[in-house]
Each structure stands twice: as structure tokens, then as C-alpha cells.
Amino acid sequence: MSGGTSAVPGPDGQMRLVAGDDARASAGSWMARGACRGTDPELFFPIAVTGAAADQVRSAKAVCGRCEVLAHCLSYALRALPHGIWGGTTWEERIAMRMPLAEVNRKVTS
């Protein structure tokens, strides 16, 4: 990672330290430009990702789909692994995205 660290507010309002690109593009800059600003935060925290909650997940992802800071948000979410919909992905999708990266890192360092 490049750059320093920065405190970024998480979905629960608690501050979290992040490093690299998100530190340089502070939370105040990219989060403030998110398409989710002004949207009910509950939309991005469904109680499940299947069944009746699937419509809520699709609605949240539709907001993300029109967002100019989607890449910043996804980058943050892949590092911090917050719950909810971030960067157009669910927590489960981000875990799946990280698994192949962990395998590559293991092979490179072995």
C-alpha cells in the first residue's frame, strides 16, 4: 500500500483507520460524493441477501451502479470488510473476491 493512514467513518459512525489510496482521498472527499448520500442508510444493510431481502440488495446495488466513487468505495470495502452493501457488493461477495487474492499472495510468498 502506498500513502499514509486516515480515519474514515464506518457505517456505524465509528472511526476506522484505512491506508493507501483511501487515505489520500480522505473520507471527506470520496464518501461525500457517493450516490448513497441522502439515501436511507437502512437500504444498504439488509438483514439477509436472499429471499425477500434480495429486492433490497438489488435496490442498494442500483444506487451503487450510478455512483461516481464506486471504485473508491469498493477499494475501502475490500480492505475494511464492513457489513452491508459497499461498492456495489455484499459482504459475502467481497469475501469471495478476497479469497482468490489470498491464494495468489500465498503462492507468491511461498
C-alpha atoms as a PDB file:
ATOM      1  CA  MET A   1       0.000   0.000   0.000  1.00  0.00           C
ATOM      2  CA  SER A   2       1.089   3.499  -0.637  1.00  0.00           C
ATOM      3  CA  GLY A   3       0.368   6.653   1.295  1.00  0.00           C
ATOM      4  CA  GLY A   4      -0.369   7.116   4.964  1.00  0.00           C
ATOM      5  CA  THR A   5      -3.341   6.307   7.099  1.00  0.00           C
ATOM      6  CA  SER A   6      -6.548   8.205   7.617  1.00  0.00           C
ATOM      7  CA  ALA A   7      -9.549   7.939   9.922  1.00  0.00           C
ATOM      8  CA  VAL A   8     -12.700   7.083   7.977  1.00  0.00           C
ATOM      9  CA  PRO A   9     -16.210   6.897   9.433  1.00  0.00           C
ATOM     10  CA  GLY A  10     -17.706   3.423   9.124  1.00  0.00           C
ATOM     11  CA  PRO A  11     -21.391   2.641   8.574  1.00  0.00           C
ATOM     12  CA  ASP A  12     -21.925   2.576  12.339  1.00  0.00           C
ATOM     13  CA  GLY A  13     -20.373   6.028  12.748  1.00  0.00           C
ATOM     14  CA  GLN A  14     -17.243   4.635  14.408  1.00  0.00           C
ATOM     15  CA  MET A  15     -13.951   5.895  13.014  1.00  0.00           C
ATOM     16  CA  ARG A  16     -11.690   3.325  11.340  1.00  0.00           C
ATOM     17  CA  LEU A  17      -8.133   3.664  10.126  1.00  0.00           C
ATOM     18  CA  VAL A  18      -7.550   2.957   6.444  1.00  0.00           C
ATOM     19  CA  ALA A  19      -4.358   3.135   4.448  1.00  0.00           C
ATOM     20  CA  GLY A  20      -3.242   3.646   0.890  1.00  0.00           C
ATOM     21  CA  ASP A  21      -5.360   5.313  -1.777  1.00  0.00           C
ATOM     22  CA  ASP A  22      -8.330   5.801   0.541  1.00  0.00           C
ATOM     23  CA  ALA A  23      -6.079   7.666   2.974  1.00  0.00           C
ATOM     24  CA  ARG A  24      -5.004  10.129   0.273  1.00  0.00           C
ATOM     25  CA  ALA A  25      -8.569  10.501  -0.978  1.00  0.00           C
ATOM     26  CA  SER A  26      -9.909  11.118   2.523  1.00  0.00           C
ATOM     27  CA  ALA A  27     -13.364  10.034   3.505  1.00  0.00           C
ATOM     28  CA  GLY A  28     -14.497  13.618   3.329  1.00  0.00           C
ATOM     29  CA  SER A  29     -13.690  13.710  -0.355  1.00  0.00           C
ATOM     30  CA  TRP A  30     -14.976  10.434  -1.798  1.00  0.00           C
ATOM     31  CA  MET A  31     -17.707   9.497   0.683  1.00  0.00           C
ATOM     32  CA  ALA A  32     -19.256  12.930   0.384  1.00  0.00           C
ATOM     33  CA  ARG A  33     -19.649  12.380  -3.373  1.00  0.00           C
ATOM     34  CA  GLY A  34     -21.321   8.970  -3.021  1.00  0.00           C
ATOM     35  CA  ALA A  35     -24.655   8.388  -4.734  1.00  0.00           C
ATOM     36  CA  CYS A  36     -25.815   6.930  -1.424  1.00  0.00           C
ATOM     37  CA  ARG A  37     -25.653  10.323   0.305  1.00  0.00           C
ATOM     38  CA  GLY A  38     -29.168  11.295   1.264  1.00  0.00           C
ATOM     39  CA  THR A  39     -30.459   7.733   0.823  1.00  0.00           C
ATOM     40  CA  ASP A  40     -31.859   5.911   3.847  1.00  0.00           C
ATOM     41  CA  PRO A  41     -28.834   4.021   5.249  1.00  0.00           C
ATOM     42  CA  GLU A  42     -31.073   1.063   6.127  1.00  0.00           C
ATOM     43  CA  LEU A  43     -31.246   0.267   2.403  1.00  0.00           C
ATOM     44  CA  PHE A  44     -27.566  -0.716   2.474  1.00  0.00           C
ATOM     45  CA  PHE A  45     -27.860  -3.040   5.472  1.00  0.00           C
ATOM     46  CA  PRO A  46     -30.340  -5.778   4.555  1.00  0.00           C
ATOM     47  CA  ILE A  47     -30.987  -8.492   7.128  1.00  0.00           C
ATOM     48  CA  ALA A  48     -30.154 -11.150   4.508  1.00  0.00           C
ATOM     49  CA  VAL A  49     -29.093 -11.352   0.865  1.00  0.00           C
ATOM     50  CA  THR A  50     -31.664 -13.918  -0.266  1.00  0.00           C
ATOM     51  CA  GLY A  51     -35.425 -14.257  -0.137  1.00  0.00           C
ATOM     52  CA  ALA A  52     -37.431 -11.079   0.403  1.00  0.00           C
ATOM     53  CA  ALA A  53     -34.237  -9.141   1.203  1.00  0.00           C
ATOM     54  CA  ALA A  54     -32.929  -9.795  -2.320  1.00  0.00           C
ATOM     55  CA  ASP A  55     -35.060  -6.891  -3.605  1.00  0.00           C
ATOM     56  CA  GLN A  56     -33.439  -4.606  -1.039  1.00  0.00           C
ATOM     57  CA  VAL A  57     -29.972  -5.779  -2.129  1.00  0.00           C
ATOM     58  CA  ARG A  58     -30.848  -5.103  -5.781  1.00  0.00           C
ATOM     59  CA  SER A  59     -32.128  -1.624  -4.892  1.00  0.00           C
ATOM     60  CA  ALA A  60     -28.952  -0.793  -2.950  1.00  0.00           C
ATOM     61  CA  LYS A  61     -26.765  -2.074  -5.780  1.00  0.00           C
ATOM     62  CA  ALA A  62     -28.747   0.083  -8.243  1.00  0.00           C
ATOM     63  CA  VAL A  63     -27.754   3.162  -6.222  1.00  0.00           C
ATOM     64  CA  CYS A  64     -24.131   1.997  -6.309  1.00  0.00           C
ATOM     65  CA  GLY A  65     -24.371   1.397 -10.042  1.00  0.00           C
ATOM     66  CA  ARG A  66     -24.808   5.104 -10.718  1.00  0.00           C
ATOM     67  CA  CYS A  67     -22.135   6.219  -8.265  1.00  0.00           C
ATOM     68  CA  GLU A  68     -19.064   8.192  -9.354  1.00  0.00           C
ATOM     69  CA  VAL A  69     -16.973   6.912  -6.428  1.00  0.00           C
ATOM     70  CA  LEU A  70     -17.825   3.210  -6.785  1.00  0.00           C
ATOM     71  CA  ALA A  71     -14.153   2.231  -7.198  1.00  0.00           C
ATOM     72  CA  HIS A  72     -13.085   4.108  -4.042  1.00  0.00           C
ATOM     73  CA  CYS A  73     -15.938   2.577  -2.094  1.00  0.00           C
ATOM     74  CA  LEU A  74     -15.164  -0.956  -3.267  1.00  0.00           C
ATOM     75  CA  SER A  75     -11.469  -0.487  -2.522  1.00  0.00           C
ATOM     76  CA  TYR A  76     -12.322   0.624   1.012  1.00  0.00           C
ATOM     77  CA  ALA A  77     -14.779  -2.233   1.455  1.00  0.00           C
ATOM     78  CA  LEU A  78     -12.281  -4.858   0.300  1.00  0.00           C
ATOM     79  CA  ARG A  79      -9.787  -3.632   2.906  1.00  0.00           C
ATOM     80  CA  ALA A  80     -12.100  -2.912   5.828  1.00  0.00           C
ATOM     81  CA  LEU A  81     -14.727  -5.606   5.150  1.00  0.00           C
ATOM     82  CA  PRO A  82     -17.634  -3.668   6.660  1.00  0.00           C
ATOM     83  CA  HIS A  83     -21.037  -5.315   6.675  1.00  0.00           C
ATOM     84  CA  GLY A  84     -23.677  -4.119   4.257  1.00  0.00           C
ATOM     85  CA  ILE A  85     -23.616  -3.088   0.626  1.00  0.00           C
ATOM     86  CA  TRP A  86     -20.429  -1.160  -0.234  1.00  0.00           C
ATOM     87  CA  GLY A  87     -19.022  -0.581  -3.699  1.00  0.00           C
ATOM     88  CA  GLY A  88     -21.944  -2.431  -5.250  1.00  0.00           C
ATOM     89  CA  THR A  89     -21.126  -5.665  -3.415  1.00  0.00           C
ATOM     90  CA  THR A  90     -22.409  -7.579  -0.421  1.00  0.00           C
ATOM     91  CA  TRP A  91     -20.146  -8.657   2.429  1.00  0.00           C
ATOM     92  CA  GLU A  92     -20.320 -12.229   1.095  1.00  0.00           C
ATOM     93  CA  GLU A  93     -19.305 -11.124  -2.410  1.00  0.00           C
ATOM     94  CA  ARG A  94     -16.322  -9.218  -1.017  1.00  0.00           C
ATOM     95  CA  ILE A  95     -15.188 -12.266   0.962  1.00  0.00           C
ATOM     96  CA  ALA A  96     -15.356 -14.315  -2.253  1.00  0.00           C
ATOM     97  CA  MET A  97     -13.387 -11.620  -4.111  1.00  0.00           C
ATOM     98  CA  ARG A  98     -10.658 -11.643  -1.462  1.00  0.00           C
ATOM     99  CA  MET A  99     -10.251 -15.441  -1.362  1.00  0.00           C
ATOM    100  CA  PRO A 100      -8.559 -15.724  -4.787  1.00  0.00           C
ATOM    101  CA  LEU A 101      -6.297 -12.801  -3.865  1.00  0.00           C
ATOM    102  CA  ALA A 102      -5.266 -14.562  -0.661  1.00  0.00           C
ATOM    103  CA  GLU A 103      -4.400 -17.694  -2.645  1.00  0.00           C
ATOM    104  CA  VAL A 104      -2.249 -15.696  -5.080  1.00  0.00           C
ATOM    105  CA  ASN A 105      -0.454 -13.966  -2.182  1.00  0.00           C
ATOM    106  CA  ARG A 106       0.264 -17.338  -0.548  1.00  0.00           C
ATOM    107  CA  LYS A 107       1.733 -18.709  -3.777  1.00  0.00           C
ATOM    108  CA  VAL A 108       3.870 -15.612  -4.345  1.00  0.00           C
ATOM    109  CA  THR A 109       5.314 -15.649  -0.827  1.00  0.00           C
ATOM    110  CA  SER A 110       5.910 -19.418  -0.761  1.00  0.00           C
END
